C-alpha atoms as a PDB file:
ATOM      1  CA  MET A   1       0.000   0.000   0.000  1.00  0.00           C
ATOM      2  CA  THR A   2       1.340   3.449  -0.866  1.00  0.00           C
ATOM      3  CA  ASP A   3       1.397   6.378   1.533  1.00  0.00           C
ATOM      4  CA  LEU A   4      -1.627   7.937  -0.200  1.00  0.00           C
ATOM      5  CA  ASP A   5      -3.663   4.747   0.189  1.00  0.00           C
ATOM      6  CA  ILE A   6      -3.081   4.829   3.939  1.00  0.00           C
ATOM      7  CA  LEU A   7      -4.580   8.335   4.125  1.00  0.00           C
ATOM      8  CA  ASP A   8      -7.568   7.389   1.964  1.00  0.00           C
ATOM      9  CA  ASP A   9      -8.374   4.193   3.856  1.00  0.00           C
ATOM     10  CA  SER A  10     -11.447   4.907   5.993  1.00  0.00           C
ATOM     11  CA  VAL A  11     -12.346   1.308   6.799  1.00  0.00           C
ATOM     12  CA  ASP A  12     -11.189   1.626  10.404  1.00  0.00           C
ATOM     13  CA  ASP A  13     -13.264   4.783  10.892  1.00  0.00           C
ATOM     14  CA  HIS A  14     -16.342   3.062   9.494  1.00  0.00           C
ATOM     15  CA  GLU A  15     -15.866   0.012  11.709  1.00  0.00           C
ATOM     16  CA  ARG A  16     -15.414   2.190  14.819  1.00  0.00           C
ATOM     17  CA  LEU A  17     -18.575   4.159  14.003  1.00  0.00           C
ATOM     18  CA  GLU A  18     -20.572   0.985  13.399  1.00  0.00           C
ATOM     19  CA  ALA A  19     -19.346  -0.526  16.682  1.00  0.00           C
ATOM     20  CA  GLU A  20     -20.315   2.663  18.522  1.00  0.00           C
ATOM     21  CA  LEU A  21     -23.807   2.662  17.005  1.00  0.00           C
ATOM     22  CA  VAL A  22     -24.334  -0.993  17.932  1.00  0.00           C
ATOM     23  CA  ALA A  23     -23.239  -0.221  21.508  1.00  0.00           C
ATOM     24  CA  GLN A  24     -25.737   2.663  21.677  1.00  0.00           C
ATOM     25  CA  ASP A  25     -28.526   0.368  20.450  1.00  0.00           C
ATOM     26  CA  ARG A  26     -27.684  -2.163  23.153  1.00  0.00           C
ATOM     27  CA  ASP A  27     -27.823   0.578  25.794  1.00  0.00           C
ATOM     28  CA  ALA A  28     -31.258   1.796  24.667  1.00  0.00           C
ATOM     29  CA  PRO A  29     -34.138   0.863  26.966  1.00  0.00           C
ATOM     30  CA  ARG A  30     -36.224  -2.066  25.730  1.00  0.00           C
ATOM     31  CA  VAL A  31     -39.930  -2.632  26.191  1.00  0.00           C
ATOM     32  CA  SER A  32     -41.532  -5.997  25.522  1.00  0.00           C
ATOM     33  CA  MET A  33     -45.101  -7.216  25.436  1.00  0.00           C
ATOM     34  CA  ALA A  34     -44.393  -9.282  28.542  1.00  0.00           C
ATOM     35  CA  ASP A  35     -43.698  -6.076  30.501  1.00  0.00           C
ATOM     36  CA  ILE A  36     -47.292  -4.867  30.089  1.00  0.00           C
ATOM     37  CA  ASP A  37     -50.302  -6.967  31.002  1.00  0.00           C
ATOM     38  CA  GLU A  38     -53.850  -6.249  29.793  1.00  0.00           C
ATOM     39  CA  THR A  39     -54.879  -4.356  32.954  1.00  0.00           C
ATOM     40  CA  LEU A  40     -51.842  -2.073  32.867  1.00  0.00           C
ATOM     41  CA  ALA A  41     -52.304  -1.520  29.121  1.00  0.00           C
ATOM     42  CA  ARG A  42     -55.936  -0.456  29.611  1.00  0.00           C
ATOM     43  CA  LYS A  43     -54.975   1.993  32.369  1.00  0.00           C
ATOM     44  CA  LEU A  44     -52.098   3.460  30.359  1.00  0.00           C
ATOM     45  CA  VAL A  45     -54.190   3.880  27.200  1.00  0.00           C
ATOM     46  CA  SER A  46     -57.072   5.360  29.206  1.00  0.00           C
ATOM     47  CA  ASP A  47     -54.663   7.935  30.663  1.00  0.00           C
ATOM     48  CA  LEU A  48     -53.297   8.661  27.175  1.00  0.00           C
ATOM     49  CA  VAL A  49     -56.822   9.212  25.847  1.00  0.00           C
ATOM     50  CA  ASP A  50     -57.584  11.547  28.770  1.00  0.00           C
ATOM     51  CA  ASP A  51     -54.363  13.485  28.044  1.00  0.00           C
ATOM     52  CA  GLY A  52     -55.178  13.785  24.326  1.00  0.00           C
ATOM     53  CA  VAL A  53     -52.165  11.713  23.254  1.00  0.00           C
ATOM     54  CA  VAL A  54     -54.361   8.928  21.838  1.00  0.00           C
ATOM     55  CA  MET A  55     -57.531   9.455  19.825  1.00  0.00           C
ATOM     56  CA  ALA A  56     -60.204   6.833  19.175  1.00  0.00           C
ATOM     57  CA  VAL A  57     -61.449   6.676  15.574  1.00  0.00           C
ATOM     58  CA  ALA A  58     -65.217   6.363  15.766  1.00  0.00           C
ATOM     59  CA  GLY A  59     -66.724   3.327  14.062  1.00  0.00           C
ATOM     60  CA  GLN A  60     -63.372   1.749  13.175  1.00  0.00           C
ATOM     61  CA  ARG A  61     -62.228   0.404  16.558  1.00  0.00           C
ATOM     62  CA  VAL A  62     -58.826   1.994  15.995  1.00  0.00           C
ATOM     63  CA  LEU A  63     -56.701   4.070  18.346  1.00  0.00           C
ATOM     64  CA  VAL A  64     -54.314   6.633  16.865  1.00  0.00           C
ATOM     65  CA  HIS A  65     -51.149   7.654  18.715  1.00  0.00           C
ATOM     66  CA  GLU A  66     -51.238  11.359  17.811  1.00  0.00           C
ATOM     67  CA  PRO A  67     -47.537  12.275  18.241  1.00  0.00           C
ATOM     68  CA  SER A  68     -46.392   9.536  15.862  1.00  0.00           C
ATOM     69  CA  GLY A  69     -49.500   9.121  13.701  1.00  0.00           C
ATOM     70  CA  GLU A  70     -49.453   5.325  14.201  1.00  0.00           C
ATOM     71  CA  ALA A  71     -52.804   3.492  14.385  1.00  0.00           C
ATOM     72  CA  PHE A  72     -53.494   0.416  16.515  1.00  0.00           C
ATOM     73  CA  ASP A  73     -56.365  -2.009  16.913  1.00  0.00           C
ATOM     74  CA  SER A  74     -54.845  -3.528  20.061  1.00  0.00           C
ATOM     75  CA  ILE A  75     -54.709  -1.648  23.357  1.00  0.00           C
ATOM     76  CA  ARG A  76     -51.750  -3.717  24.500  1.00  0.00           C
ATOM     77  CA  GLN A  77     -49.744  -3.063  21.318  1.00  0.00           C
ATOM     78  CA  LEU A  78     -50.465   0.646  21.641  1.00  0.00           C
ATOM     79  CA  ALA A  79     -49.311   0.649  25.269  1.00  0.00           C
ATOM     80  CA  VAL A  80     -46.071  -1.160  24.384  1.00  0.00           C
ATOM     81  CA  PHE A  81     -45.498   1.161  21.418  1.00  0.00           C
ATOM     82  CA  HIS A  82     -46.050   4.272  23.546  1.00  0.00           C
ATOM     83  CA  ARG A  83     -43.638   3.038  26.214  1.00  0.00           C
ATOM     84  CA  GLY A  84     -40.963   2.423  23.572  1.00  0.00           C
ATOM     85  CA  TRP A  85     -41.714   5.705  21.804  1.00  0.00           C
ATOM     86  CA  SER A  86     -41.446   7.605  25.107  1.00  0.00           C
ATOM     87  CA  ALA A  87     -38.180   5.870  26.012  1.00  0.00           C
ATOM     88  CA  GLY A  88     -36.716   6.715  22.605  1.00  0.00           C
ATOM     89  CA  ARG A  89     -37.852  10.332  22.848  1.00  0.00           C
ATOM     90  CA  ASP A  90     -36.460  10.647  26.379  1.00  0.00           C
ATOM     91  CA  ALA A  91     -33.134   9.127  25.322  1.00  0.00           C
ATOM     92  CA  GLY A  92     -32.957  11.630  22.457  1.00  0.00           C
ATOM     93  CA  MET A  93     -33.538  14.528  24.842  1.00  0.00           C
ATOM     94  CA  GLU A  94     -30.732  13.319  27.130  1.00  0.00           C
ATOM     95  CA  ASP A  95     -28.321  13.324  24.182  1.00  0.00           C
ATOM     96  CA  GLU A  96     -28.990  17.008  23.480  1.00  0.00           C
END
């Protein structure tokens, strides 16, 4: 390899960046369906509806998570999604 090739070689930089991103993903909080039972999901979604974060679509049995625009037909999936969405948003605010 010539001296110029050594300067142009960015493979090590790319590998370091990729390793750092993987480490950040591993550090991110995780939420699973097992963490939220049906009773907790109903309470959480009820609170979200009261706070205006979730809107029920009349006649379609669908709940829309307003901040993200995602629609759900399962209260439990919505609760898990919101927990993960909140954790991701909070982690982003800590980075700033």
